[in-house]
């Protein structure tokens, strides 16, 4: 389905349709000939979609386009990052659905953005920082840190991220526990082996996005893989 530079409502609807029926790479191809900023604005609306897979794919495509924008026009990329940050501010009047995850995906696709905004993302889970009171948003920030730990473990280590991530091994949200395990494992933080081992009896399910699809895993499953990886 071709996406043209039509009016905003129609454009957002077409992007949503693409996300619902195509994988991330195909969506990127469809949007390839359009102005990046226009595509980013259309994707933002999909962060609020009722279908979780549409939301996640929108975040993934958004991050890849942000990486391209940062290469072409870093100041415009910063403006978009600030827009996401503003949506998480109480004064914005909104909720900021998907904003922490989108910030992380943008950083994953741009080292320059990671250098500038990594500490801000970490601050969203810190009680002495810009702590996000709403648990789903905070879990989104944890997902972002886990995602970034795949690519920039040394950066997270340099800002002492593990100290703030580790307490979430005991979070009430299973996804938060999973993301904490993943981040600490990618950072090779084997001092937390005992806390991770405690999760081997945790059979609670968590829904995880793997890049194109949602899959259900147990906390125990992730903990077991982590202990093996850490050599515990």
Protein backbone atom coordinates (compact mmCIF):
# COMPACT_ATOMS: atom_id res chain seq x y z
CA UNK A 1 0.00 0.00 0.00
CA UNK A 2 1.58 3.26 -1.11
CA UNK A 3 1.73 6.07 1.41
CA UNK A 4 1.51 9.53 -0.09
CA UNK A 5 1.93 13.00 1.37
CA UNK A 6 -1.82 13.37 1.97
CA UNK A 7 -3.61 15.24 4.75
CA UNK A 8 -2.55 14.48 8.33
CA UNK A 9 -5.52 12.32 9.31
CA UNK A 10 -5.34 10.19 6.18
CA UNK A 11 -1.56 9.96 6.43
CA UNK A 12 -1.69 8.68 10.03
CA UNK A 13 -4.36 6.17 9.05
CA UNK A 14 -2.20 4.82 6.23
CA UNK A 15 0.82 4.49 8.51
CA UNK A 16 -1.32 2.66 11.03
CA UNK A 17 -2.48 0.29 8.30
CA UNK A 18 1.10 -0.41 7.29
CA UNK A 19 2.10 -1.16 10.86
CA UNK A 20 -0.82 -3.53 11.29
CA UNK A 21 -0.01 -5.62 8.21
CA UNK A 22 3.70 -5.32 7.42
CA UNK A 23 6.94 -5.92 9.27
CA UNK A 24 9.24 -3.13 10.38
CA UNK A 25 11.60 -3.27 7.40
CA UNK A 26 8.74 -3.16 4.90
CA UNK A 27 7.21 -0.17 6.67
CA UNK A 28 10.55 1.61 6.45
CA UNK A 29 10.68 0.94 2.71
CA UNK A 30 7.17 2.33 2.25
CA UNK A 31 8.10 5.51 4.12
CA UNK A 32 11.53 5.82 2.50
CA UNK A 33 10.59 8.43 -0.09
CA UNK A 34 8.75 10.70 2.34
CA UNK A 35 10.13 13.50 4.53
CA UNK A 36 11.41 11.96 7.76
CA UNK A 37 9.80 14.53 10.05
CA UNK A 38 6.38 13.92 8.53
CA UNK A 39 6.73 10.18 8.99
CA UNK A 40 7.87 10.66 12.59
CA UNK A 41 4.80 12.75 13.36
CA UNK A 42 2.55 10.09 11.86
CA UNK A 43 4.24 7.38 13.91
CA UNK A 44 3.84 9.32 17.15
CA UNK A 45 0.07 9.00 16.89
CA UNK A 46 0.43 5.21 16.75
CA UNK A 47 2.09 5.13 20.17
CA UNK A 48 -1.46 5.38 21.53
CA UNK A 49 -2.91 2.58 19.41
CA UNK A 50 -5.01 -0.05 21.19
CA UNK A 51 -3.09 -2.85 19.42
CA UNK A 52 0.18 -3.40 21.34
CA UNK A 53 1.96 -4.81 18.28
CA UNK A 54 1.12 -1.69 16.26
CA UNK A 55 2.49 0.44 19.09
CA UNK A 56 5.74 -1.52 19.31
CA UNK A 57 6.34 -1.53 15.57
CA UNK A 58 5.67 2.21 15.49
CA UNK A 59 8.34 2.69 18.16
CA UNK A 60 10.80 0.52 16.24
CA UNK A 61 10.28 2.37 12.95
CA UNK A 62 10.39 5.70 14.78
CA UNK A 63 13.79 4.85 16.25
CA UNK A 64 15.27 3.85 12.92
CA UNK A 65 14.05 7.06 11.28
CA UNK A 66 15.42 9.08 14.18
CA UNK A 67 18.81 7.54 13.53
CA UNK A 68 18.64 8.81 9.95
CA UNK A 69 17.41 12.23 11.06
CA UNK A 70 20.28 12.55 13.54
CA UNK A 71 22.74 11.94 10.70
CA UNK A 72 21.08 14.55 8.49
CA UNK A 73 20.04 17.21 10.99
CA UNK A 74 21.04 16.70 14.61
CA UNK A 75 19.21 19.76 15.84
CA UNK A 76 15.90 18.51 14.44
CA UNK A 77 16.56 15.15 16.11
CA UNK A 78 17.11 16.97 19.41
CA UNK A 79 13.83 18.83 18.95
CA UNK A 80 12.02 15.52 18.54
CA UNK A 81 13.74 14.08 21.63
CA UNK A 82 12.69 17.12 23.62
CA UNK A 83 9.14 16.63 22.37
CA UNK A 84 9.16 13.10 23.75
CA UNK A 85 10.58 14.34 27.05
CA UNK A 86 7.91 17.03 27.27
CA UNK A 87 5.18 14.44 26.83
CA UNK A 88 6.42 12.80 30.07
CA UNK A 89 6.20 16.07 31.96
CA UNK A 90 3.14 16.55 34.17
CA UNK A 91 2.71 20.01 32.68
CA UNK A 92 2.22 18.55 29.20
CA UNK A 93 -1.29 17.39 30.10
CA UNK A 94 -0.67 14.04 28.42
CA UNK A 95 0.59 10.63 29.49
CA UNK A 96 3.55 10.15 27.18
CA UNK A 97 2.71 6.63 26.04
CA UNK A 98 5.70 5.08 24.29
CA UNK A 99 7.95 8.08 24.86
CA UNK A 100 10.67 6.34 26.96
CA UNK A 101 10.77 3.42 24.54
CA UNK A 102 10.93 5.75 21.53
CA UNK A 103 13.75 7.75 23.13
CA UNK A 104 15.65 4.51 23.66
CA UNK A 105 15.11 3.31 20.10
CA UNK A 106 16.32 6.66 18.79
CA UNK A 107 19.45 6.34 20.92
CA UNK A 108 19.94 2.74 19.83
CA UNK A 109 20.07 4.00 16.25
CA UNK A 110 22.25 7.03 16.95
CA UNK A 111 25.33 7.02 19.15
CA UNK A 112 25.25 10.82 19.17
CA UNK A 113 21.75 10.83 20.67
CA UNK A 114 22.82 8.17 23.17
CA UNK A 115 25.71 10.37 24.30
CA UNK A 116 23.32 13.23 24.97
CA UNK A 117 20.21 11.53 26.37
CA UNK A 118 21.25 8.28 28.09
CA UNK A 119 21.40 9.89 31.53
CA UNK A 120 17.97 11.41 31.05
CA UNK A 121 16.43 8.02 30.28
CA UNK A 122 18.10 6.58 33.38
CA UNK A 123 16.73 9.45 35.46
CA UNK A 124 13.19 8.26 34.76
CA UNK A 125 13.68 5.20 37.00
CA UNK A 126 15.58 7.06 39.73
CA UNK A 127 13.68 8.26 42.76
CA UNK A 128 16.26 11.03 43.09
CA UNK A 129 15.84 11.93 39.41
CA UNK A 130 12.95 12.52 37.03
CA UNK A 131 11.12 9.52 38.48
CA UNK A 132 8.08 8.43 36.49
CA UNK A 133 5.30 7.81 38.99
CA UNK A 134 3.10 5.85 36.58
CA UNK A 135 4.38 2.22 36.55
CA UNK A 136 3.73 1.51 32.83
CA UNK A 137 5.85 4.50 31.84
CA UNK A 138 8.58 3.50 34.27
CA UNK A 139 8.53 -0.02 32.85
CA UNK A 140 8.90 1.55 29.42
CA UNK A 141 12.05 3.32 30.60
CA UNK A 142 13.37 0.00 31.91
CA UNK A 143 12.68 -1.58 28.53
CA UNK A 144 14.67 1.24 26.99
CA UNK A 145 17.62 0.66 29.29
CA UNK A 146 17.53 -3.08 28.55
CA UNK A 147 17.43 -2.31 24.84
CA UNK A 148 20.36 0.10 25.08
CA UNK A 149 22.35 -2.39 27.14
CA UNK A 150 22.52 -4.58 24.03
CA UNK A 151 24.53 -1.95 22.19
CA UNK A 152 26.05 0.38 24.79
CA UNK A 153 26.77 -1.66 27.93
CA UNK A 154 29.92 0.34 28.60
CA UNK A 155 28.01 3.64 28.53
CA UNK A 156 25.51 2.37 31.06
CA UNK A 157 28.33 1.09 33.25
CA UNK A 158 30.04 4.48 33.13
CA UNK A 159 26.93 6.21 34.51
CA UNK A 160 26.50 3.55 37.23
CA UNK A 161 23.17 2.45 35.79
CA UNK A 162 23.20 -0.98 37.46
CA UNK A 163 22.77 0.60 40.89
CA UNK A 164 19.42 2.03 39.80
CA UNK A 165 18.31 -0.92 37.68
CA UNK A 166 18.98 -3.69 40.22
CA UNK A 167 16.15 -2.74 42.63
CA UNK A 168 13.67 -3.52 39.84
CA UNK A 169 14.56 -7.20 40.11
CA UNK A 170 11.92 -7.13 42.82
CA UNK A 171 9.41 -4.91 41.03
CA UNK A 172 5.74 -5.89 41.11
CA UNK A 173 5.55 -5.78 37.29
CA UNK A 174 6.91 -8.94 35.61
CA UNK A 175 8.07 -7.03 32.53
CA UNK A 176 10.09 -4.71 34.78
CA UNK A 177 11.77 -7.70 36.42
CA UNK A 178 12.59 -9.17 33.03
CA UNK A 179 14.05 -5.92 31.69
CA UNK A 180 16.15 -5.48 34.82
CA UNK A 181 17.57 -8.99 34.39
CA UNK A 182 18.33 -8.39 30.71
CA UNK A 183 20.03 -5.05 31.33
CA UNK A 184 22.18 -6.32 34.19
CA UNK A 185 23.17 -9.38 32.17
CA UNK A 186 24.17 -7.36 29.12
CA UNK A 187 26.23 -5.15 31.42
CA UNK A 188 27.87 -8.29 32.87
CA UNK A 189 26.88 -7.33 36.40
CA UNK A 190 27.43 -10.73 38.03
CA UNK A 191 27.33 -9.25 41.52
CA UNK A 192 23.55 -9.57 41.22
CA UNK A 193 23.60 -13.33 40.59
CA UNK A 194 21.92 -14.16 43.88
CA UNK A 195 19.02 -11.78 43.29
CA UNK A 196 18.61 -13.16 39.77
CA UNK A 197 18.75 -16.72 41.09
CA UNK A 198 15.82 -15.89 43.36
CA UNK A 199 13.76 -15.36 40.20
CA UNK A 200 14.15 -18.95 39.04
CA UNK A 201 10.95 -19.79 40.88
CA UNK A 202 9.08 -16.89 39.30
CA UNK A 203 6.86 -18.44 36.63
CA UNK A 204 4.98 -15.21 35.97
CA UNK A 205 4.56 -14.45 32.27
CA UNK A 206 5.78 -11.28 30.62
CA UNK A 207 5.05 -10.00 27.11
CA UNK A 208 8.24 -9.06 25.26
CA UNK A 209 8.67 -7.36 21.88
CA UNK A 210 11.47 -9.00 19.86
CA UNK A 211 11.67 -6.49 17.01
CA UNK A 212 8.71 -7.60 14.91
CA UNK A 213 6.44 -9.63 17.15
CA UNK A 214 5.30 -9.98 20.73
CA UNK A 215 6.22 -13.13 22.57
CA UNK A 216 5.37 -14.43 26.03
CA UNK A 217 8.19 -15.53 28.31
CA UNK A 218 8.41 -16.38 31.99
CA UNK A 219 10.57 -14.42 34.39
CA UNK A 220 12.22 -17.70 35.40
CA UNK A 221 13.16 -18.45 31.79
CA UNK A 222 14.92 -15.13 31.41
CA UNK A 223 16.61 -15.53 34.79
CA UNK A 224 17.93 -18.96 33.83
CA UNK A 225 19.43 -17.63 30.60
CA UNK A 226 20.95 -14.73 32.50
CA UNK A 227 22.67 -16.96 35.08
CA UNK A 228 24.17 -19.06 32.30
CA UNK A 229 25.39 -15.95 30.47
CA UNK A 230 26.86 -14.46 33.64
CA UNK A 231 28.54 -17.73 34.59
CA UNK A 232 26.85 -17.76 37.97
